Amino acid sequence: MNPRLLELATRHGQLQARIAEQRRALAGHSAPIEGALAKGDAVLKGVDWLKHHPAAVGAAVAVAVIARPPRAWRWAKRGFLLWRGWQGLKNSLSGAR
């Protein structure tokens, strides 16, 4: 085989190995921010849902106005606690797999 082609093939293999190592290092460095980015994606997904369902927002505001603020606040706290409980259950079940 031509020595120049052999040298190029060897260099190509070395560069491929170096690139693979850099990709592994980059994945390791980006792991800590992966959770934050996932939460940001979830927020953007929620905003997108709200944009596509303005009637739901209007209905929630109407219910809050009609139901008097103290009662609406009490129901909002209950809803939040229920939602947090569901999130905790979902996370614990997905972590058990």
N, C-alpha and C. Protein backbone atom coordinates (compact mmCIF):
# COMPACT_ATOMS: atom_id res chain seq x y z
N MET A 1 0.84 -1.18 0.00
CA MET A 1 0.00 0.00 0.00
C MET A 1 0.88 1.24 0.00
N ASN A 2 0.41 2.28 -0.60
CA ASN A 2 1.13 3.54 -0.69
C ASN A 2 1.36 4.09 0.72
N PRO A 3 2.61 4.43 1.07
CA PRO A 3 2.89 4.94 2.43
C PRO A 3 2.10 6.22 2.75
N ARG A 4 1.88 7.04 1.77
CA ARG A 4 1.11 8.29 2.01
C ARG A 4 -0.34 7.97 2.37
N LEU A 5 -0.95 7.01 1.65
CA LEU A 5 -2.32 6.61 1.96
C LEU A 5 -2.41 5.96 3.33
N LEU A 6 -1.39 5.18 3.68
CA LEU A 6 -1.36 4.54 5.00
C LEU A 6 -1.26 5.60 6.10
N GLU A 7 -0.43 6.60 5.86
CA GLU A 7 -0.29 7.70 6.83
C GLU A 7 -1.60 8.47 6.98
N LEU A 8 -2.26 8.73 5.86
CA LEU A 8 -3.54 9.44 5.91
C LEU A 8 -4.60 8.61 6.63
N ALA A 9 -4.65 7.32 6.38
CA ALA A 9 -5.62 6.45 7.05
C ALA A 9 -5.37 6.41 8.55
N THR A 10 -4.11 6.35 8.94
CA THR A 10 -3.76 6.35 10.37
C THR A 10 -4.17 7.67 11.02
N ARG A 11 -3.87 8.75 10.34
CA ARG A 11 -4.24 10.08 10.87
C ARG A 11 -5.77 10.22 10.97
N HIS A 12 -6.46 9.70 9.98
CA HIS A 12 -7.93 9.73 10.00
C HIS A 12 -8.47 8.96 11.20
N GLY A 13 -7.91 7.80 11.47
CA GLY A 13 -8.34 7.01 12.62
C GLY A 13 -8.08 7.73 13.94
N GLN A 14 -6.92 8.38 14.03
CA GLN A 14 -6.60 9.13 15.24
C GLN A 14 -7.58 10.28 15.45
N LEU A 15 -7.89 10.97 14.36
CA LEU A 15 -8.83 12.09 14.48
C LEU A 15 -10.22 11.60 14.86
N GLN A 16 -10.64 10.47 14.31
CA GLN A 16 -11.95 9.92 14.66
C GLN A 16 -12.01 9.58 16.15
N ALA A 17 -10.93 8.99 16.68
CA ALA A 17 -10.87 8.65 18.11
C ALA A 17 -10.89 9.92 18.97
N ARG A 18 -10.17 10.94 18.52
CA ARG A 18 -10.14 12.21 19.26
C ARG A 18 -11.53 12.86 19.28
N ILE A 19 -12.21 12.84 18.14
CA ILE A 19 -13.56 13.41 18.05
C ILE A 19 -14.52 12.66 18.98
N ALA A 20 -14.42 11.33 19.00
CA ALA A 20 -15.30 10.53 19.86
C ALA A 20 -15.06 10.88 21.33
N GLU A 21 -13.80 11.06 21.72
CA GLU A 21 -13.49 11.42 23.11
C GLU A 21 -14.03 12.81 23.44
N GLN A 22 -13.92 13.74 22.52
CA GLN A 22 -14.44 15.09 22.76
C GLN A 22 -15.96 15.07 22.89
N ARG A 23 -16.64 14.23 22.12
CA ARG A 23 -18.09 14.12 22.23
C ARG A 23 -18.48 13.57 23.60
N ARG A 24 -17.74 12.56 24.08
CA ARG A 24 -18.03 12.01 25.41
C ARG A 24 -17.81 13.07 26.49
N ALA A 25 -16.74 13.83 26.37
CA ALA A 25 -16.45 14.88 27.36
C ALA A 25 -17.54 15.95 27.33
N LEU A 26 -17.97 16.34 26.14
CA LEU A 26 -19.01 17.35 26.02
C LEU A 26 -20.32 16.86 26.63
N ALA A 27 -20.66 15.61 26.39
CA ALA A 27 -21.88 15.04 26.98
C ALA A 27 -21.78 15.04 28.49
N GLY A 28 -20.63 14.75 29.04
CA GLY A 28 -20.44 14.77 30.49
C GLY A 28 -20.57 16.16 31.08
N HIS A 29 -20.05 17.15 30.35
CA HIS A 29 -20.12 18.53 30.84
C HIS A 29 -21.53 19.11 30.74
N SER A 30 -22.31 18.65 29.79
CA SER A 30 -23.65 19.21 29.61
C SER A 30 -24.71 18.51 30.44
N ALA A 31 -24.38 17.42 31.09
CA ALA A 31 -25.36 16.67 31.89
C ALA A 31 -25.99 17.51 33.01
N PRO A 32 -25.23 18.34 33.73
CA PRO A 32 -25.87 19.11 34.81
C PRO A 32 -26.94 20.10 34.35
N ILE A 33 -26.83 20.61 33.15
CA ILE A 33 -27.84 21.58 32.70
C ILE A 33 -28.99 20.92 31.97
N GLU A 34 -28.91 19.61 31.77
CA GLU A 34 -29.97 18.91 31.05
C GLU A 34 -31.31 19.03 31.75
N GLY A 35 -31.33 18.94 33.08
CA GLY A 35 -32.57 19.07 33.84
C GLY A 35 -33.19 20.45 33.70
N ALA A 36 -32.35 21.47 33.76
CA ALA A 36 -32.86 22.84 33.62
C ALA A 36 -33.44 23.06 32.23
N LEU A 37 -32.78 22.53 31.23
CA LEU A 37 -33.29 22.69 29.87
C LEU A 37 -34.60 21.93 29.68
N ALA A 38 -34.72 20.78 30.33
CA ALA A 38 -35.98 20.02 30.24
C ALA A 38 -37.12 20.81 30.88
N LYS A 39 -36.85 21.44 32.01
CA LYS A 39 -37.88 22.25 32.66
C LYS A 39 -38.26 23.44 31.79
N GLY A 40 -37.28 24.06 31.16
CA GLY A 40 -37.56 25.16 30.25
C GLY A 40 -38.42 24.71 29.07
N ASP A 41 -38.14 23.52 28.56
CA ASP A 41 -38.96 22.98 27.47
C ASP A 41 -40.39 22.76 27.94
N ALA A 42 -40.55 22.28 29.17
CA ALA A 42 -41.90 22.04 29.71
C ALA A 42 -42.66 23.36 29.85
N VAL A 43 -41.96 24.41 30.29
CA VAL A 43 -42.61 25.72 30.42
C VAL A 43 -43.04 26.23 29.05
N LEU A 44 -42.17 26.10 28.08
CA LEU A 44 -42.51 26.56 26.73
C LEU A 44 -43.67 25.75 26.14
N LYS A 45 -43.72 24.48 26.47
CA LYS A 45 -44.83 23.65 26.01
C LYS A 45 -46.14 24.12 26.65
N GLY A 46 -46.09 24.48 27.94
CA GLY A 46 -47.27 25.00 28.63
C GLY A 46 -47.73 26.32 28.05
N VAL A 47 -46.78 27.19 27.75
CA VAL A 47 -47.13 28.49 27.14
C VAL A 47 -47.76 28.26 25.77
N ASP A 48 -47.21 27.32 25.02
CA ASP A 48 -47.78 27.01 23.71
C ASP A 48 -49.20 26.49 23.85
N TRP A 49 -49.44 25.63 24.85
CA TRP A 49 -50.80 25.12 25.08
C TRP A 49 -51.75 26.27 25.41
N LEU A 50 -51.30 27.20 26.26
CA LEU A 50 -52.14 28.35 26.62
C LEU A 50 -52.46 29.21 25.40
N LYS A 51 -51.49 29.34 24.51
CA LYS A 51 -51.73 30.12 23.29
C LYS A 51 -52.79 29.47 22.42
N HIS A 52 -52.81 28.15 22.40
CA HIS A 52 -53.76 27.44 21.55
C HIS A 52 -55.11 27.20 22.23
N HIS A 53 -55.22 27.48 23.53
CA HIS A 53 -56.46 27.27 24.27
C HIS A 53 -56.81 28.51 25.10
N PRO A 54 -57.06 29.64 24.47
CA PRO A 54 -57.37 30.85 25.23
C PRO A 54 -58.70 30.75 25.97
N ALA A 55 -59.60 29.90 25.49
CA ALA A 55 -60.88 29.74 26.18
C ALA A 55 -60.68 29.16 27.58
N ALA A 56 -59.71 28.28 27.74
CA ALA A 56 -59.44 27.71 29.05
C ALA A 56 -58.96 28.78 30.03
N VAL A 57 -58.13 29.68 29.56
CA VAL A 57 -57.65 30.77 30.41
C VAL A 57 -58.81 31.68 30.79
N GLY A 58 -59.63 32.01 29.80
CA GLY A 58 -60.79 32.85 30.07
C GLY A 58 -61.75 32.20 31.05
N ALA A 59 -61.98 30.90 30.91
CA ALA A 59 -62.87 30.20 31.84
C ALA A 59 -62.29 30.20 33.25
N ALA A 60 -60.98 30.00 33.38
CA ALA A 60 -60.36 30.01 34.71
C ALA A 60 -60.48 31.38 35.37
N VAL A 61 -60.29 32.43 34.60
CA VAL A 61 -60.42 33.78 35.15
C VAL A 61 -61.87 34.05 35.54
N ALA A 62 -62.80 33.64 34.70
CA ALA A 62 -64.22 33.84 35.01
C ALA A 62 -64.62 33.11 36.28
N VAL A 63 -64.15 31.89 36.43
CA VAL A 63 -64.46 31.12 37.64
C VAL A 63 -63.87 31.81 38.87
N ALA A 64 -62.67 32.31 38.75
CA ALA A 64 -62.03 32.99 39.88
C ALA A 64 -62.78 34.26 40.26
N VAL A 65 -63.28 34.99 39.28
CA VAL A 65 -64.02 36.23 39.56
C VAL A 65 -65.37 35.90 40.19
N ILE A 66 -66.04 34.89 39.66
CA ILE A 66 -67.37 34.54 40.15
C ILE A 66 -67.31 33.91 41.54
N ALA A 67 -66.28 33.11 41.80
CA ALA A 67 -66.22 32.34 43.04
C ALA A 67 -65.67 33.12 44.22
N ARG A 68 -65.50 34.38 44.11
CA ARG A 68 -64.95 35.22 45.16
C ARG A 68 -63.48 34.86 45.41
N PRO A 69 -62.63 35.84 45.58
CA PRO A 69 -61.19 35.59 45.72
C PRO A 69 -60.79 34.63 46.86
N PRO A 70 -61.34 34.71 48.08
CA PRO A 70 -60.89 33.76 49.11
C PRO A 70 -61.17 32.31 48.72
N ARG A 71 -62.33 32.05 48.18
CA ARG A 71 -62.67 30.69 47.79
C ARG A 71 -61.80 30.25 46.61
N ALA A 72 -61.59 31.15 45.67
CA ALA A 72 -60.74 30.82 44.53
C ALA A 72 -59.31 30.53 44.98
N TRP A 73 -58.82 31.31 45.95
CA TRP A 73 -57.48 31.08 46.48
C TRP A 73 -57.38 29.72 47.15
N ARG A 74 -58.40 29.35 47.92
CA ARG A 74 -58.42 28.06 48.59
C ARG A 74 -58.40 26.92 47.57
N TRP A 75 -59.19 27.05 46.51
CA TRP A 75 -59.23 26.01 45.47
C TRP A 75 -57.92 25.98 44.67
N ALA A 76 -57.32 27.14 44.49
CA ALA A 76 -56.03 27.17 43.79
C ALA A 76 -54.97 26.45 44.61
N LYS A 77 -54.97 26.64 45.94
CA LYS A 77 -54.00 25.93 46.78
C LYS A 77 -54.24 24.43 46.72
N ARG A 78 -55.50 24.02 46.77
CA ARG A 78 -55.81 22.59 46.68
C ARG A 78 -55.36 22.01 45.35
N GLY A 79 -55.63 22.75 44.28
CA GLY A 79 -55.22 22.29 42.95
C GLY A 79 -53.71 22.18 42.84
N PHE A 80 -53.01 23.16 43.42
CA PHE A 80 -51.55 23.12 43.38
C PHE A 80 -51.02 21.93 44.16
N LEU A 81 -51.57 21.68 45.34
CA LEU A 81 -51.12 20.53 46.13
C LEU A 81 -51.42 19.22 45.41
N LEU A 82 -52.56 19.14 44.77
CA LEU A 82 -52.90 17.94 44.02
C LEU A 82 -51.93 17.76 42.85
N TRP A 83 -51.63 18.84 42.17
CA TRP A 83 -50.71 18.77 41.05
C TRP A 83 -49.31 18.35 41.51
N ARG A 84 -48.83 18.94 42.62
CA ARG A 84 -47.50 18.58 43.14
C ARG A 84 -47.47 17.11 43.56
N GLY A 85 -48.56 16.64 44.18
CA GLY A 85 -48.62 15.23 44.55
C GLY A 85 -48.55 14.33 43.33
N TRP A 86 -49.25 14.70 42.28
CA TRP A 86 -49.23 13.93 41.04
C TRP A 86 -47.82 13.92 40.43
N GLN A 87 -47.16 15.08 40.45
CA GLN A 87 -45.81 15.16 39.90
C GLN A 87 -44.85 14.27 40.71
N GLY A 88 -44.98 14.31 42.03
CA GLY A 88 -44.12 13.47 42.87
C GLY A 88 -44.36 11.99 42.63
N LEU A 89 -45.63 11.61 42.51
CA LEU A 89 -45.95 10.21 42.23
C LEU A 89 -45.40 9.79 40.86
N LYS A 90 -45.60 10.63 39.88
CA LYS A 90 -45.12 10.32 38.53
C LYS A 90 -43.60 10.21 38.51
N ASN A 91 -42.90 11.10 39.21
CA ASN A 91 -41.44 11.04 39.26
C ASN A 91 -40.95 9.80 40.00
N SER A 92 -41.62 9.44 41.09
CA SER A 92 -41.18 8.26 41.83
C SER A 92 -41.43 6.99 41.04
N LEU A 93 -42.52 6.95 40.28
CA LEU A 93 -42.79 5.77 39.45
C LEU A 93 -41.84 5.67 38.28
N SER A 94 -41.49 6.80 37.67
CA SER A 94 -40.57 6.76 36.54
C SER A 94 -39.14 6.47 37.03
N GLY A 95 -38.81 6.86 38.25
CA GLY A 95 -37.50 6.57 38.81
C GLY A 95 -37.35 5.12 39.23
N ALA A 96 -38.46 4.45 39.46
CA ALA A 96 -38.41 3.05 39.91
C ALA A 96 -38.10 2.09 38.76
N ARG A 97 -38.25 2.53 37.53
CA ARG A 97 -38.02 1.65 36.37
C ARG A 97 -36.59 1.38 36.13
